[in-house]
Amino acid sequence: MAIHSTRRTSPNSCCAPQRPALVAAAAGDFLTHGEHRIEQAPIPRQSFIMGDSSADGNPSDGETPLHTVTVEEFSIDTTTVTNTEFERFARATGYITEAEEEGSSAVFHLAIDRDSSQIEILGTYPGTPWWLGVAGADWRHPSGPNSSLDGLADHPVVHVTWNDASAYCRWAGRRLPTEAEWEAASRGGLDGARYPWGDSWDSDNLRANIWQGEFPTINTLGDGYLLTAPVRTYSPNAYGLWQTVGNVWEWCSDWYDAEFYSKSPGLSPVGPPSGTQRVLRGGSFLCHDSYCNRYRNSARSSNTPNSSMSNSGFRTVAR
């Protein structure tokens, strides 16, 4: 039977399908405020060249023009928020994510047990048929209703929207990083470098969780992971941040504008004042050179604030 979809995919989505605007942003202020327990890395005040210095980017993503940006000192999570920490938040507040409220989310096709009679596939996403809308997929059930968080306590929480991430930040007394802060932190002081560790990619010494093989059908699991890896896999960058590229896309606070770099202020830019999509940074376990080489410091993507998928998460900064 043919599967049809009412959902859309942005040309900038890079494996991240959009959810139509069906549910309002959940959660306002919380009566209780939680302790944020993720280790922090101090990022010094600095000026750096923001953008793609290596001509690797897709022109439509807006990684150019190169421009000098100064960010003030701040502290940032050394890892993305884990399932354990998000569960503490959900239990303390009773928060219901937008995927839970909607009753479905986007799951990569190889993660689904298609033989199960309990899997209800709601549709595919135009342009990215490897993404399936799956009933019952959410942060607690990342591959569909039969899945769980067993063995995933120290993996990044996924199927969280920008709105969900912002709700966690309000509870924890935190905020999402600006795009400029995120890039400064990811670079680890290596101005102009492709990756958090430098410019070279060594297939025999993998330093990020991305796709190996033939996308999107054959993953050789050269890095040991089909989906997410624990947040402290591989090695941290010079600032002590783990896996800013690969593993999961990370929500930033900024509205997305492909033309923003041409008019970005030089001091602590916070993005355009409005928009329809929020910035995502860092790439994910689905990145592959044949389709998406966005596992780089300067790479940009975006999605609507209420979209959720199995390859996006977030880290936070101090207010």
Protein backbone atom coordinates (compact mmCIF):
# COMPACT_ATOMS: atom_id res chain seq x y z
CA MET A 1 0.00 0.00 0.00
CA ALA A 2 1.38 3.37 -0.90
CA ILE A 3 2.17 5.70 1.97
CA HIS A 4 1.38 9.37 1.60
CA SER A 5 2.41 12.25 3.79
CA THR A 6 0.97 15.63 4.64
CA ARG A 7 4.29 16.81 6.03
CA ARG A 8 6.93 18.88 4.36
CA THR A 9 10.70 18.89 4.21
CA SER A 10 12.82 22.02 4.02
CA PRO A 11 15.64 22.13 1.46
CA ASN A 12 17.87 23.09 4.41
CA SER A 13 16.60 20.30 6.63
CA CYS A 14 19.51 17.90 6.00
CA CYS A 15 17.74 14.72 7.04
CA ALA A 16 15.45 16.60 9.43
CA PRO A 17 11.79 16.54 8.36
CA GLN A 18 9.41 19.27 9.42
CA ARG A 19 6.27 18.85 11.43
CA PRO A 20 3.38 21.03 10.31
CA ALA A 21 2.19 23.59 12.82
CA LEU A 22 -0.44 21.45 14.51
CA VAL A 23 0.31 21.93 18.19
CA ALA A 24 1.12 25.03 20.16
CA ALA A 25 4.35 25.33 22.10
CA ALA A 26 3.91 23.49 25.38
CA ALA A 27 4.97 24.61 28.83
CA GLY A 28 5.33 28.02 30.30
CA ASP A 29 7.01 28.73 33.60
CA PHE A 30 7.39 25.90 36.10
CA LEU A 31 6.57 25.95 39.78
CA THR A 32 9.77 24.06 40.55
CA HIS A 33 13.23 24.65 39.18
CA GLY A 34 15.68 21.85 38.77
CA GLU A 35 19.36 21.37 39.26
CA HIS A 36 21.24 21.19 35.98
CA ARG A 37 23.84 18.48 36.55
CA ILE A 38 25.79 18.43 33.29
CA GLU A 39 29.46 19.41 33.54
CA GLN A 40 30.32 22.88 32.31
CA ALA A 41 33.14 24.15 30.11
CA PRO A 42 34.19 27.82 30.35
CA ILE A 43 34.54 29.50 26.96
CA PRO A 44 36.77 32.59 27.02
CA ARG A 45 35.86 35.90 25.45
CA GLN A 46 37.16 35.78 21.92
CA SER A 47 36.99 37.05 18.38
CA PHE A 48 36.96 34.44 15.63
CA ILE A 49 36.21 34.09 11.94
CA MET A 50 32.70 32.68 11.68
CA GLY A 51 31.62 30.72 8.64
CA ASP A 52 32.95 28.24 6.09
CA SER A 53 36.65 28.83 5.43
CA SER A 54 37.09 25.71 3.29
CA ALA A 55 34.37 26.07 0.62
CA ASP A 56 32.74 22.87 1.89
CA GLY A 57 29.27 24.25 2.50
CA ASN A 58 26.07 24.26 0.50
CA PRO A 59 25.57 27.86 -0.70
CA SER A 60 21.89 27.76 0.25
CA ASP A 61 22.78 27.10 3.91
CA GLY A 62 24.29 30.57 4.32
CA GLU A 63 27.71 29.66 5.72
CA THR A 64 29.21 32.74 4.07
CA PRO A 65 30.37 35.45 3.90
CA LEU A 66 33.15 34.92 6.42
CA HIS A 67 32.89 37.55 9.13
CA THR A 68 34.61 38.34 12.40
CA VAL A 69 32.49 37.78 15.49
CA THR A 70 33.26 38.55 19.13
CA VAL A 71 31.52 36.60 21.87
CA GLU A 72 31.73 37.35 25.57
CA GLU A 73 32.86 34.72 28.08
CA PHE A 74 30.23 32.07 28.80
CA SER A 75 29.91 28.51 30.05
CA ILE A 76 28.34 25.65 28.10
CA ASP A 77 27.46 22.00 28.68
CA THR A 78 30.32 19.68 27.81
CA THR A 79 27.76 17.22 26.39
CA THR A 80 24.29 17.32 24.98
CA VAL A 81 21.47 16.78 27.46
CA THR A 82 21.11 13.05 28.11
CA ASN A 83 18.05 10.88 28.47
CA THR A 84 18.77 10.67 32.20
CA GLU A 85 18.78 14.43 32.66
CA PHE A 86 15.71 15.01 30.50
CA GLU A 87 13.87 12.33 32.44
CA ARG A 88 14.62 14.19 35.69
CA PHE A 89 13.04 17.29 34.16
CA ALA A 90 9.96 15.42 32.86
CA ARG A 91 9.37 13.69 36.19
CA ALA A 92 9.77 16.89 38.18
CA THR A 93 7.41 18.92 36.04
CA GLY A 94 5.09 16.46 34.32
CA TYR A 95 6.17 17.98 31.04
CA ILE A 96 4.77 16.41 27.87
CA THR A 97 6.88 16.86 24.76
CA GLU A 98 5.33 17.90 21.49
CA ALA A 99 6.00 14.47 19.96
CA GLU A 100 4.12 12.88 22.85
CA GLU A 101 1.30 15.37 22.46
CA GLU A 102 1.15 14.85 18.71
CA GLY A 103 1.44 11.08 19.06
CA SER A 104 4.20 10.63 16.50
CA SER A 105 7.65 11.70 15.38
CA ALA A 106 10.15 11.16 12.57
CA VAL A 107 12.26 7.98 12.76
CA PHE A 108 15.05 6.85 10.45
CA HIS A 109 13.82 3.83 8.48
CA LEU A 110 16.56 1.36 9.51
CA ALA A 111 15.74 1.91 13.18
CA ILE A 112 12.23 0.52 12.87
CA ASP A 113 11.17 -3.08 13.45
CA ARG A 114 8.96 -3.36 10.38
CA ASP A 115 7.93 -6.92 11.25
CA SER A 116 6.10 -5.75 14.33
CA SER A 117 2.33 -5.54 14.02
CA GLN A 118 2.40 -2.73 16.56
CA ILE A 119 4.27 -0.30 14.29
CA GLU A 120 2.00 2.21 12.58
CA ILE A 121 3.80 4.14 9.86
CA LEU A 122 1.87 7.32 9.17
CA GLY A 123 3.76 8.43 6.09
CA THR A 124 7.00 9.38 4.42
CA TYR A 125 8.51 12.81 3.97
CA PRO A 126 8.83 14.23 0.46
CA GLY A 127 12.45 14.32 -0.67
CA THR A 128 13.70 12.21 2.26
CA PRO A 129 12.02 8.78 2.00
CA TRP A 130 14.38 7.36 4.66
CA TRP A 131 12.39 9.31 7.24
CA LEU A 132 9.10 7.78 8.39
CA GLY A 133 6.41 9.30 10.53
CA VAL A 134 5.89 6.69 13.26
CA ALA A 135 2.97 6.66 15.69
CA GLY A 136 4.17 6.39 19.27
CA ALA A 137 7.72 7.56 18.58
CA ASP A 138 8.98 10.06 21.16
CA TRP A 139 11.93 10.64 23.47
CA ARG A 140 11.02 7.66 25.65
CA HIS A 141 10.48 5.47 22.57
CA PRO A 142 13.13 6.71 20.12
CA SER A 143 12.65 3.99 17.47
CA GLY A 144 8.89 3.59 17.86
CA PRO A 145 6.41 2.34 20.47
CA ASN A 146 8.21 -0.99 21.03
CA SER A 147 11.51 0.70 21.85
CA SER A 148 12.67 2.08 25.19
CA LEU A 149 15.55 3.88 26.86
CA ASP A 150 17.13 0.64 28.07
CA GLY A 151 20.87 1.04 27.59
CA LEU A 152 20.46 4.65 26.45
CA ALA A 153 20.73 6.54 29.75
CA ASP A 154 23.92 8.31 28.68
CA HIS A 155 22.82 8.89 25.09
CA PRO A 156 21.50 12.27 23.95
CA VAL A 157 17.79 12.82 24.34
CA VAL A 158 16.15 12.96 20.90
CA HIS A 159 12.69 13.66 19.50
CA VAL A 160 12.76 17.00 21.32
CA THR A 161 11.63 20.12 19.52
CA TRP A 162 13.11 23.58 19.93
CA ASN A 163 10.11 24.34 22.14
CA ASP A 164 10.82 21.27 24.29
CA ALA A 165 14.49 22.23 24.64
CA SER A 166 13.50 25.75 25.64
CA ALA A 167 11.10 24.37 28.25
CA TYR A 168 13.94 22.34 29.79
CA CYS A 169 16.08 25.48 29.83
CA ARG A 170 13.41 27.44 31.70
CA TRP A 171 13.17 24.72 34.34
CA ALA A 172 16.95 24.45 34.69
CA GLY A 173 17.61 28.20 34.71
CA ARG A 174 19.54 27.88 31.47
CA ARG A 175 19.19 28.92 27.84
CA LEU A 176 20.08 27.58 24.41
CA PRO A 177 23.36 28.86 22.94
CA THR A 178 23.35 31.44 20.22
CA GLU A 179 24.67 30.22 16.91
CA ALA A 180 27.82 32.30 17.38
CA GLU A 181 28.41 30.90 20.87
CA TRP A 182 27.88 27.37 19.60
CA GLU A 183 30.43 27.79 16.80
CA ALA A 184 33.01 29.41 19.07
CA ALA A 185 32.65 26.55 21.54
CA SER A 186 32.77 23.85 18.87
CA ARG A 187 35.93 25.27 17.30
CA GLY A 188 37.81 24.92 20.57
CA GLY A 189 40.07 27.84 19.65
CA LEU A 190 40.93 26.44 16.18
CA ASP A 191 39.94 29.37 14.01
CA GLY A 192 38.96 28.35 10.49
CA ALA A 193 39.20 24.58 11.10
CA ARG A 194 36.65 22.21 9.56
CA TYR A 195 36.25 20.04 12.63
CA PRO A 196 36.62 20.51 16.40
CA TRP A 197 40.01 18.76 16.22
CA GLY A 198 41.38 20.35 13.03
CA ASP A 199 41.06 19.99 9.25
CA SER A 200 41.79 16.32 8.57
CA TRP A 201 39.45 13.34 8.56
CA ASP A 202 41.01 9.95 9.25
CA SER A 203 38.73 7.04 8.36
CA ASP A 204 40.94 4.73 10.41
CA ASN A 205 40.68 6.90 13.50
CA LEU A 206 37.08 8.06 13.65
CA ARG A 207 36.35 11.05 15.87
CA ALA A 208 32.64 11.56 15.25
CA ASN A 209 29.51 9.44 14.93
CA ILE A 210 28.45 9.72 11.28
CA TRP A 211 27.30 7.30 8.58
CA GLN A 212 29.72 4.76 7.14
CA GLY A 213 28.75 2.86 4.01
CA GLU A 214 26.15 3.63 1.37
CA PHE A 215 23.58 6.15 2.50
CA PRO A 216 20.73 5.54 3.27
CA THR A 217 20.59 1.75 2.95
CA ILE A 218 23.89 0.23 4.11
CA ASN A 219 25.69 1.27 7.28
CA THR A 220 28.85 -0.75 7.87
CA LEU A 221 28.86 0.40 11.52
CA GLY A 222 32.52 1.29 11.27
CA ASP A 223 32.13 3.47 14.36
CA GLY A 224 29.99 0.90 16.15
CA TYR A 225 26.73 2.86 16.03
CA LEU A 226 23.72 2.80 13.72
CA LEU A 227 21.97 5.52 15.71
CA THR A 228 23.18 7.67 18.62
CA ALA A 229 26.36 7.07 20.60
CA PRO A 230 26.87 7.83 24.31
CA VAL A 231 27.56 11.53 24.78
CA ARG A 232 31.14 10.96 25.95
CA THR A 233 32.24 8.86 23.00
CA TYR A 234 35.45 9.77 21.11
CA SER A 235 37.52 12.67 22.50
CA PRO A 236 36.56 16.20 23.62
CA ASN A 237 37.85 19.29 21.85
CA ALA A 238 40.34 21.71 23.40
CA TYR A 239 37.58 23.38 25.45
CA GLY A 240 36.37 20.02 26.81
CA LEU A 241 33.23 19.67 24.67
CA TRP A 242 32.25 16.21 23.47
CA GLN A 243 30.71 15.47 20.06
CA THR A 244 29.72 18.88 18.81
CA VAL A 245 29.76 17.37 15.31
CA GLY A 246 27.98 14.15 14.42
CA ASN A 247 25.73 12.17 16.76
CA VAL A 248 22.80 14.63 16.97
CA TRP A 249 21.88 18.01 15.58
CA GLU A 250 21.80 20.65 18.33
CA TRP A 251 19.17 23.36 18.62
CA CYS A 252 20.39 26.96 18.96
CA SER A 253 18.41 29.96 20.14
CA ASP A 254 18.58 31.91 16.84
CA TRP A 255 15.97 32.23 14.18
CA TYR A 256 17.42 31.00 10.88
CA ASP A 257 18.13 33.28 7.94
CA ALA A 258 20.39 32.12 5.08
CA GLU A 259 21.34 35.76 4.45
CA PHE A 260 22.07 36.68 8.05
CA TYR A 261 25.87 36.51 7.82
CA SER A 262 25.89 39.36 5.32
CA LYS A 263 24.39 41.67 7.93
CA SER A 264 25.33 40.04 11.23
CA PRO A 265 26.62 42.41 13.94
CA GLY A 266 30.17 41.74 15.03
CA LEU A 267 29.54 41.68 18.78
CA SER A 268 27.54 38.84 20.33
CA PRO A 269 25.05 38.33 17.47
CA VAL A 270 21.76 36.73 18.47
CA GLY A 271 20.29 36.08 15.02
CA PRO A 272 17.45 37.84 13.22
CA PRO A 273 14.52 39.16 15.28
CA SER A 274 11.98 36.77 13.78
CA GLY A 275 11.58 33.88 11.38
CA THR A 276 9.86 30.57 10.74
CA GLN A 277 12.71 28.16 11.53
CA ARG A 278 15.31 27.84 14.27
CA VAL A 279 18.99 27.07 13.76
CA LEU A 280 20.39 23.55 14.15
CA ARG A 281 24.13 22.92 14.37
CA GLY A 282 26.64 20.06 14.24
CA GLY A 283 25.20 17.37 11.98
CA SER A 284 24.20 13.91 13.16
CA PHE A 285 24.77 10.17 12.90
CA LEU A 286 23.13 10.34 9.46
CA CYS A 287 25.68 12.68 7.91
CA HIS A 288 27.57 11.26 4.93
CA ASP A 289 29.61 12.98 2.24
CA SER A 290 27.37 11.60 -0.49
CA TYR A 291 24.36 13.43 0.91
CA CYS A 292 25.11 15.68 3.87
CA ASN A 293 28.59 16.81 4.85
CA ARG A 294 27.32 19.05 7.62
CA TYR A 295 29.36 17.44 10.40
CA ARG A 296 31.57 20.57 10.47
CA ASN A 297 32.05 23.55 12.80
CA SER A 298 30.55 26.04 10.36
CA ALA A 299 27.70 23.90 8.99
CA ARG A 300 24.17 25.22 9.42
CA SER A 301 20.73 23.71 9.16
CA SER A 302 17.28 24.65 10.41
CA ASN A 303 13.82 23.37 11.18
CA THR A 304 10.53 24.61 12.52
CA PRO A 305 10.42 25.02 16.32
CA ASN A 306 7.83 22.25 16.72
CA SER A 307 9.61 19.61 14.60
CA SER A 308 11.05 16.51 16.25
CA MET A 309 13.16 13.67 14.90
CA SER A 310 15.43 10.88 16.08
CA ASN A 311 18.66 12.77 15.33
CA SER A 312 18.23 16.10 17.12
CA GLY A 313 18.98 17.15 20.69
CA PHE A 314 20.49 20.13 22.51
CA ARG A 315 23.02 21.46 24.99
CA THR A 316 22.60 24.54 27.16
CA VAL A 317 24.52 27.56 28.39
CA ALA A 318 24.32 29.59 31.60
CA ARG A 319 22.00 32.60 31.48
